[in-house]
């Protein structure tokens, strides 16, 4: 009898359903990207609640703050892979951190599910353990340019963007795309992230009289660029903000300068994707603010990672194989990690175009998701 109980005990210990399901999270929880990092943290916390309700009693999240710096992000990945022995990792946030961490995920055979970083290269390196939930930079560019062309007849465009992985990769694909559309680039300016004054640069752009101004920035720079655009009287047909800082509550609150700015996003609460509206309502009630698309991307990423890892007994290769083979349908719509157009393990996600109208983000394109008609051209500054 004693031998029987010992054998049963061993079986219980080794049962995959009872092995602690450790999943790492790398995020910018402090530093300049913390406002967006907060959305990612909150989205993952809501996913954790839902997973626990579904019976994921052994789920254990191991959190790492990379402060938005690639070197710290790499150290976090090393720790999670070798010391914490996680079955998978969700994150990081920024393109620079995600790109740096991707090769380490491949080295240690740790499934990495990136929720919101846009640099195309991340999933264009043939890495088998790296997956991405959000649409990459080429979709940011094409969705915004197509929207502007559909709303008016712009012939010229100016680019101003931060000289980071996110800024340069997004603007590069946008410049390639407008060339195909027969549009002329009249100004192409990169700037050091976190600069204090952009007025001279914006005045130079104004002198070119562009029909469109395409901006790629995180939140602090996005606010300052628009504030100083108003100061110098820059008046295009449309200001186009490529996601990130132009899709945050902090930006929308700056109503004197954010009104009527058009941006692209991965998610809004008014789409028909299962649970999107409920997620918005629940997030706002719990955290006292509206979620950005980063929160939805993070929530969906954690749900997918945890559900895939369950029952693998911590086996990273089985988890990788499950991510590759799986299909999901939830608040980010249909999710499938596919290989196409040079991408590997990339979710071919539908981008949305939104505009701040009367202080609120409203979906204006595609038409089947639109909650409001776009305001075009950009009204004269008051």
Protein backbone atom coordinates (compact mmCIF):
# COMPACT_ATOMS: atom_id res chain seq x y z
CA UNK A 1 0.00 0.00 0.00
CA UNK A 2 2.83 2.38 0.91
CA UNK A 3 4.46 1.77 -2.48
CA UNK A 4 1.15 2.54 -4.16
CA UNK A 5 0.88 5.95 -2.48
CA UNK A 6 4.49 6.78 -3.32
CA UNK A 7 3.88 5.92 -6.97
CA UNK A 8 0.75 8.06 -6.97
CA UNK A 9 2.70 10.92 -5.42
CA UNK A 10 5.31 10.77 -8.16
CA UNK A 11 2.58 10.74 -10.78
CA UNK A 12 1.02 13.83 -9.29
CA UNK A 13 4.31 15.68 -9.19
CA UNK A 14 5.04 14.88 -12.82
CA UNK A 15 1.54 15.55 -14.14
CA UNK A 16 1.71 18.48 -16.61
CA UNK A 17 -1.53 19.92 -15.26
CA UNK A 18 0.06 20.36 -11.84
CA UNK A 19 3.44 21.78 -12.90
CA UNK A 20 3.76 25.49 -12.13
CA UNK A 21 3.06 27.34 -15.35
CA UNK A 22 5.66 30.11 -15.19
CA UNK A 23 5.33 32.77 -17.89
CA UNK A 24 7.68 35.73 -18.05
CA UNK A 25 6.61 39.31 -18.72
CA UNK A 26 9.07 41.95 -19.93
CA UNK A 27 7.60 45.45 -20.02
CA UNK A 28 8.49 49.14 -19.68
CA UNK A 29 7.00 49.66 -16.24
CA UNK A 30 9.18 52.69 -15.48
CA UNK A 31 11.07 55.17 -17.62
CA UNK A 32 9.75 57.35 -20.47
CA UNK A 33 7.53 54.64 -21.99
CA UNK A 34 5.81 53.84 -18.69
CA UNK A 35 2.45 55.43 -19.71
CA UNK A 36 2.06 52.88 -22.49
CA UNK A 37 3.73 50.19 -20.38
CA UNK A 38 0.99 50.69 -17.81
CA UNK A 39 -1.60 49.71 -20.41
CA UNK A 40 0.33 46.54 -21.17
CA UNK A 41 0.62 45.69 -17.47
CA UNK A 42 -3.09 46.27 -16.91
CA UNK A 43 -4.08 44.19 -19.93
CA UNK A 44 -1.98 41.28 -18.68
CA UNK A 45 -3.46 41.59 -15.19
CA UNK A 46 -6.97 41.28 -16.62
CA UNK A 47 -5.86 38.22 -18.59
CA UNK A 48 -4.41 36.72 -15.41
CA UNK A 49 -7.76 37.20 -13.66
CA UNK A 50 -9.62 35.49 -16.48
CA UNK A 51 -7.16 32.61 -16.66
CA UNK A 52 -7.48 31.99 -12.92
CA UNK A 53 -11.28 31.93 -13.33
CA UNK A 54 -10.83 29.30 -16.03
CA UNK A 55 -8.94 27.08 -13.63
CA UNK A 56 -5.35 27.99 -14.38
CA UNK A 57 -4.48 27.62 -10.71
CA UNK A 58 -0.78 26.96 -11.33
CA UNK A 59 -0.22 30.08 -13.47
CA UNK A 60 2.68 32.15 -12.17
CA UNK A 61 3.75 35.36 -13.89
CA UNK A 62 7.35 36.50 -13.47
CA UNK A 63 7.58 40.26 -14.09
CA UNK A 64 10.64 42.15 -15.35
CA UNK A 65 10.90 45.93 -15.87
CA UNK A 66 13.23 46.82 -18.76
CA UNK A 67 12.69 50.63 -18.34
CA UNK A 68 12.53 50.80 -22.15
CA UNK A 69 16.26 49.99 -22.53
CA UNK A 70 17.36 47.11 -24.80
CA UNK A 71 20.32 46.08 -22.62
CA UNK A 72 18.12 45.75 -19.53
CA UNK A 73 15.54 43.89 -21.58
CA UNK A 74 18.20 41.41 -22.70
CA UNK A 75 19.32 40.86 -19.11
CA UNK A 76 15.70 40.22 -18.14
CA UNK A 77 15.36 37.64 -20.90
CA UNK A 78 18.55 35.88 -19.79
CA UNK A 79 17.21 35.67 -16.24
CA UNK A 80 13.78 34.40 -17.27
CA UNK A 81 15.26 31.78 -19.59
CA UNK A 82 18.02 30.41 -17.36
CA UNK A 83 17.10 31.12 -13.73
CA UNK A 84 13.32 31.28 -13.72
CA UNK A 85 12.87 28.58 -16.37
CA UNK A 86 9.71 30.12 -17.79
CA UNK A 87 7.77 28.24 -20.46
CA UNK A 88 7.33 31.42 -22.50
CA UNK A 89 7.59 35.22 -22.41
CA UNK A 90 5.12 37.98 -23.29
CA UNK A 91 6.74 41.32 -24.25
CA UNK A 92 8.71 43.54 -24.45
CA UNK A 93 6.97 46.76 -25.50
CA UNK A 94 9.33 48.87 -27.61
CA UNK A 95 10.68 47.81 -30.98
CA UNK A 96 14.28 48.30 -29.85
CA UNK A 97 13.82 46.02 -26.83
CA UNK A 98 11.82 43.41 -28.74
CA UNK A 99 14.36 43.22 -31.54
CA UNK A 100 17.20 42.83 -29.03
CA UNK A 101 15.38 40.12 -27.07
CA UNK A 102 14.23 38.14 -30.12
CA UNK A 103 17.62 36.57 -30.81
CA UNK A 104 17.96 35.53 -27.16
CA UNK A 105 14.56 33.83 -27.32
CA UNK A 106 15.84 31.84 -30.26
CA UNK A 107 19.11 31.06 -28.50
CA UNK A 108 17.40 29.66 -25.41
CA UNK A 109 14.43 28.16 -27.28
CA UNK A 110 11.95 30.25 -25.27
CA UNK A 111 8.67 31.08 -27.05
CA UNK A 112 8.41 34.88 -27.19
CA UNK A 113 5.05 36.50 -27.96
CA UNK A 114 5.46 40.21 -28.70
CA UNK A 115 2.22 42.13 -28.10
CA UNK A 116 2.77 45.58 -29.64
CA UNK A 117 6.24 46.31 -31.08
CA UNK A 118 6.09 47.38 -34.73
CA UNK A 119 9.56 47.09 -36.30
CA UNK A 120 9.23 44.80 -39.31
CA UNK A 121 12.62 43.10 -38.86
CA UNK A 122 11.51 41.45 -35.60
CA UNK A 123 9.51 38.78 -37.44
CA UNK A 124 11.52 38.90 -40.66
CA UNK A 125 14.57 37.02 -39.41
CA UNK A 126 13.21 33.50 -39.73
CA UNK A 127 13.20 33.03 -35.95
CA UNK A 128 11.17 29.96 -34.99
CA UNK A 129 10.51 30.88 -31.34
CA UNK A 130 9.45 34.51 -31.94
CA UNK A 131 5.77 35.39 -32.54
CA UNK A 132 4.00 38.74 -32.88
CA UNK A 133 0.37 39.61 -32.07
CA UNK A 134 0.17 43.12 -33.55
CA UNK A 135 0.44 44.23 -37.16
CA UNK A 136 3.96 45.45 -38.04
CA UNK A 137 5.13 48.84 -39.28
CA UNK A 138 4.16 48.37 -42.93
CA UNK A 139 0.49 48.16 -41.93
CA UNK A 140 0.74 51.38 -39.88
CA UNK A 141 1.99 53.24 -42.94
CA UNK A 142 -0.35 51.77 -45.56
CA UNK A 143 -3.50 52.15 -43.44
CA UNK A 144 -2.83 55.83 -42.77
CA UNK A 145 -1.79 56.73 -46.31
CA UNK A 146 -4.75 54.86 -47.80
CA UNK A 147 -7.06 56.72 -45.42
CA UNK A 148 -5.67 60.12 -46.45
CA UNK A 149 -5.86 59.29 -50.15
CA UNK A 150 -9.43 58.09 -49.71
CA UNK A 151 -10.45 61.24 -47.83
CA UNK A 152 -8.76 63.83 -50.08
CA UNK A 153 -6.28 64.22 -52.90
CA UNK A 154 -2.93 64.80 -51.18
CA UNK A 155 0.08 65.17 -53.46
CA UNK A 156 2.87 66.00 -50.99
CA UNK A 157 3.90 64.67 -47.60
CA UNK A 158 6.40 65.55 -44.85
CA UNK A 159 7.87 63.03 -42.44
CA UNK A 160 9.06 63.76 -38.91
CA UNK A 161 9.97 60.81 -36.71
CA UNK A 162 12.15 59.78 -33.80
CA UNK A 163 15.43 58.12 -34.71
CA UNK A 164 14.62 54.84 -32.92
CA UNK A 165 13.88 51.38 -34.31
CA UNK A 166 10.18 52.18 -34.21
CA UNK A 167 10.52 55.60 -35.84
CA UNK A 168 12.92 54.69 -38.62
CA UNK A 169 11.25 51.40 -39.57
CA UNK A 170 7.74 52.86 -39.66
CA UNK A 171 8.77 55.95 -41.66
CA UNK A 172 10.83 53.82 -44.06
CA UNK A 173 7.87 51.67 -45.03
CA UNK A 174 5.67 54.78 -45.25
CA UNK A 175 8.10 56.50 -47.63
CA UNK A 176 8.24 53.42 -49.82
CA UNK A 177 4.44 53.26 -49.84
CA UNK A 178 3.81 56.92 -50.77
CA UNK A 179 6.26 56.55 -53.64
CA UNK A 180 4.06 53.79 -55.03
CA UNK A 181 1.08 56.13 -54.62
CA UNK A 182 2.81 58.83 -56.67
CA UNK A 183 3.10 61.22 -53.73
CA UNK A 184 6.08 63.56 -53.34
CA UNK A 185 8.11 63.58 -50.11
CA UNK A 186 8.96 67.26 -49.50
CA UNK A 187 10.55 66.84 -46.06
CA UNK A 188 12.17 63.89 -44.29
CA UNK A 189 13.37 64.66 -40.75
CA UNK A 190 14.45 62.36 -37.93
CA UNK A 191 15.03 63.71 -34.44
CA UNK A 192 16.60 62.54 -31.16
CA UNK A 193 13.90 61.14 -28.93
CA UNK A 194 13.03 63.42 -26.01
CA UNK A 195 14.17 66.71 -27.55
CA UNK A 196 12.95 69.90 -25.91
CA UNK A 197 12.18 72.04 -28.94
CA UNK A 198 11.05 71.12 -32.45
CA UNK A 199 9.88 74.58 -33.59
CA UNK A 200 12.69 75.29 -36.05
CA UNK A 201 12.22 71.86 -37.65
CA UNK A 202 8.46 72.31 -37.83
CA UNK A 203 8.89 75.79 -39.31
CA UNK A 204 11.07 74.30 -42.05
CA UNK A 205 8.37 71.73 -42.75
CA UNK A 206 5.78 74.50 -42.87
CA UNK A 207 7.80 76.30 -45.55
CA UNK A 208 7.34 73.22 -47.78
CA UNK A 209 3.56 73.48 -47.43
CA UNK A 210 2.92 69.69 -47.32
CA UNK A 211 -0.56 68.26 -47.78
CA UNK A 212 0.16 65.62 -45.13
CA UNK A 213 2.41 65.52 -42.07
CA UNK A 214 3.30 61.98 -41.00
CA UNK A 215 4.66 61.65 -37.44
CA UNK A 216 6.13 58.70 -35.55
CA UNK A 217 6.61 59.33 -31.82
CA UNK A 218 5.95 58.05 -28.34
CA UNK A 219 3.62 60.02 -26.09
CA UNK A 220 5.75 62.89 -24.71
CA UNK A 221 7.14 63.81 -28.13
CA UNK A 222 3.73 63.39 -29.78
CA UNK A 223 2.23 66.01 -27.47
CA UNK A 224 5.14 68.41 -27.89
CA UNK A 225 5.21 68.04 -31.69
CA UNK A 226 1.53 68.92 -31.97
CA UNK A 227 1.77 71.77 -29.47
CA UNK A 228 4.64 73.33 -31.39
CA UNK A 229 2.98 72.65 -34.76
CA UNK A 230 0.18 74.89 -33.57
CA UNK A 231 2.66 77.52 -32.38
CA UNK A 232 4.38 77.75 -35.78
CA UNK A 233 1.10 77.54 -37.70
CA UNK A 234 1.78 74.29 -39.55
CA UNK A 235 -1.47 73.64 -41.45
CA UNK A 236 -1.60 70.46 -43.58
CA UNK A 237 -4.69 68.72 -44.88
CA UNK A 238 -4.09 66.10 -42.19
CA UNK A 239 -1.77 65.23 -39.33
CA UNK A 240 -1.13 61.49 -39.39
CA UNK A 241 0.19 59.86 -36.21
CA UNK A 242 1.56 56.34 -36.59
CA UNK A 243 0.13 54.67 -33.49
CA UNK A 244 2.13 54.73 -30.21
CA UNK A 245 1.98 58.18 -28.58
CA UNK A 246 -0.87 59.35 -30.79
CA UNK A 247 -3.21 56.65 -29.47
CA UNK A 248 -2.99 57.33 -25.73
CA UNK A 249 -5.36 58.87 -23.21
CA UNK A 250 -2.61 61.36 -22.33
CA UNK A 251 -2.48 62.59 -25.92
CA UNK A 252 -6.27 62.80 -26.34
CA UNK A 253 -6.57 64.87 -23.16
CA UNK A 254 -4.50 67.63 -24.79
CA UNK A 255 -7.65 68.80 -26.58
CA UNK A 256 -6.18 72.12 -27.75
CA UNK A 257 -3.73 70.28 -29.99
CA UNK A 258 -4.94 66.68 -30.39
CA UNK A 259 -8.40 67.32 -31.86
CA UNK A 260 -8.83 65.91 -35.41
CA UNK A 261 -5.44 64.17 -35.49
CA UNK A 262 -5.74 60.91 -37.44
CA UNK A 263 -3.90 57.84 -36.20
CA UNK A 264 -3.87 54.11 -36.78
CA UNK A 265 -4.53 51.55 -34.13
CA UNK A 266 -4.59 47.82 -33.59
CA UNK A 267 -7.87 47.84 -31.66
CA UNK A 268 -10.88 49.90 -30.59
CA UNK A 269 -13.76 49.00 -28.33
CA UNK A 270 -16.38 49.49 -31.05
CA UNK A 271 -15.17 46.72 -33.37
CA UNK A 272 -17.20 43.52 -33.64
CA UNK A 273 -14.40 41.26 -32.38
CA UNK A 274 -15.62 38.96 -29.57
CA UNK A 275 -15.40 40.57 -26.14
CA UNK A 276 -13.91 43.91 -27.31
CA UNK A 277 -16.63 46.09 -25.80
CA UNK A 278 -16.70 44.08 -22.58
CA UNK A 279 -12.93 44.41 -22.25
CA UNK A 280 -13.17 48.19 -22.66
CA UNK A 281 -15.93 48.50 -20.05
CA UNK A 282 -14.17 46.25 -17.56
CA UNK A 283 -10.78 47.94 -18.02
CA UNK A 284 -12.25 51.42 -17.54
CA UNK A 285 -14.15 50.36 -14.43
CA UNK A 286 -11.09 48.72 -12.85
CA UNK A 287 -8.37 51.22 -13.75
CA UNK A 288 -10.35 54.47 -14.10
CA UNK A 289 -9.20 55.18 -17.65
CA UNK A 290 -9.74 54.00 -21.19
CA UNK A 291 -7.47 51.25 -22.53
CA UNK A 292 -5.21 51.82 -25.53
CA UNK A 293 -4.66 49.14 -28.14
CA UNK A 294 -1.54 48.11 -26.22
CA UNK A 295 -3.74 46.81 -23.39
CA UNK A 296 -5.83 44.71 -25.76
CA UNK A 297 -2.74 43.34 -27.54
CA UNK A 298 -1.20 42.41 -24.18
CA UNK A 299 -4.38 40.80 -22.88
CA UNK A 300 -4.77 38.67 -26.01
CA UNK A 301 -1.08 37.74 -26.00
CA UNK A 302 -1.17 36.48 -22.42
CA UNK A 303 -4.39 34.54 -23.01
CA UNK A 304 -2.90 32.86 -26.08
CA UNK A 305 0.44 32.10 -24.40
CA UNK A 306 -1.12 30.65 -21.24
CA UNK A 307 -3.74 28.59 -23.05
CA UNK A 308 -1.08 27.20 -25.38
CA UNK A 309 1.39 26.39 -22.59
CA UNK A 310 -1.19 24.65 -20.43
CA UNK A 311 -0.60 20.93 -20.33
CA UNK A 312 2.87 21.05 -21.89
CA UNK A 313 4.56 20.46 -18.54
CA UNK A 314 6.78 23.46 -19.12
CA UNK A 315 8.05 22.11 -22.43
CA UNK A 316 9.08 25.13 -24.49
CA UNK A 317 9.23 23.32 -27.82
CA UNK A 318 5.71 21.93 -27.39
CA UNK A 319 4.54 25.45 -26.49
CA UNK A 320 6.24 26.84 -29.60
CA UNK A 321 4.60 24.17 -31.74
CA UNK A 322 1.22 24.97 -30.20
CA UNK A 323 1.58 28.67 -30.99
CA UNK A 324 2.52 27.84 -34.57
CA UNK A 325 -0.41 25.49 -35.11
CA UNK A 326 -3.12 27.29 -33.16
CA UNK A 327 -5.99 29.62 -34.11
CA UNK A 328 -7.87 31.92 -31.73
CA UNK A 329 -10.74 34.37 -31.92
CA UNK A 330 -11.18 37.04 -29.24
CA UNK A 331 -10.84 40.74 -28.55
CA UNK A 332 -8.13 41.12 -31.25
CA UNK A 333 -10.24 39.27 -33.80
CA UNK A 334 -8.95 36.12 -35.46
CA UNK A 335 -5.36 35.31 -34.51
CA UNK A 336 -3.13 32.97 -36.51
CA UNK A 337 0.66 33.09 -36.58
CA UNK A 338 1.59 32.63 -40.23
CA UNK A 339 4.52 32.94 -42.61
CA UNK A 340 3.94 35.41 -45.47
CA UNK A 341 5.69 38.24 -47.37
CA UNK A 342 8.98 37.44 -45.65
CA UNK A 343 7.42 37.39 -42.16
CA UNK A 344 7.63 34.38 -39.83
CA UNK A 345 5.09 33.68 -37.06
CA UNK A 346 3.33 36.98 -37.77
CA UNK A 347 -0.36 37.54 -37.03
CA UNK A 348 -1.89 39.15 -40.15
CA UNK A 349 -3.91 41.64 -38.13
CA UNK A 350 -6.47 44.14 -39.43
CA UNK A 351 -5.42 47.74 -38.64
CA UNK A 352 -8.00 50.41 -37.86
CA UNK A 353 -7.89 54.17 -38.52
CA UNK A 354 -9.17 56.49 -35.83
CA UNK A 355 -9.49 60.21 -35.27
CA UNK A 356 -9.93 62.32 -32.16
CA UNK A 357 -13.35 63.95 -32.51
CA UNK A 358 -14.70 66.07 -29.65
CA UNK A 359 -12.00 64.70 -27.40
CA UNK A 360 -12.74 61.03 -28.08
CA UNK A 361 -11.07 58.45 -30.30
CA UNK A 362 -13.53 57.45 -33.02
CA UNK A 363 -13.01 54.71 -35.57
CA UNK A 364 -13.33 56.25 -39.05
CA UNK A 365 -12.02 53.43 -41.28
CA UNK A 366 -12.53 50.72 -42.51
CA UNK A 367 -16.13 51.67 -43.16
CA UNK A 368 -17.55 48.47 -41.65
CA UNK A 369 -16.01 49.37 -38.28
CA UNK A 370 -16.55 53.16 -38.44
CA UNK A 371 -18.34 54.91 -35.58
CA UNK A 372 -17.99 58.42 -37.05
CA UNK A 373 -17.27 60.09 -40.37
CA UNK A 374 -13.76 61.53 -40.60
CA UNK A 375 -13.16 65.27 -40.34
CA UNK A 376 -11.09 66.25 -43.40
CA UNK A 377 -9.25 68.47 -44.10
CA UNK A 378 -7.74 69.43 -40.76
CA UNK A 379 -9.56 72.60 -39.59
CA UNK A 380 -7.71 75.87 -39.16
CA UNK A 381 -6.06 76.26 -35.75
CA UNK A 382 -8.10 78.27 -33.26
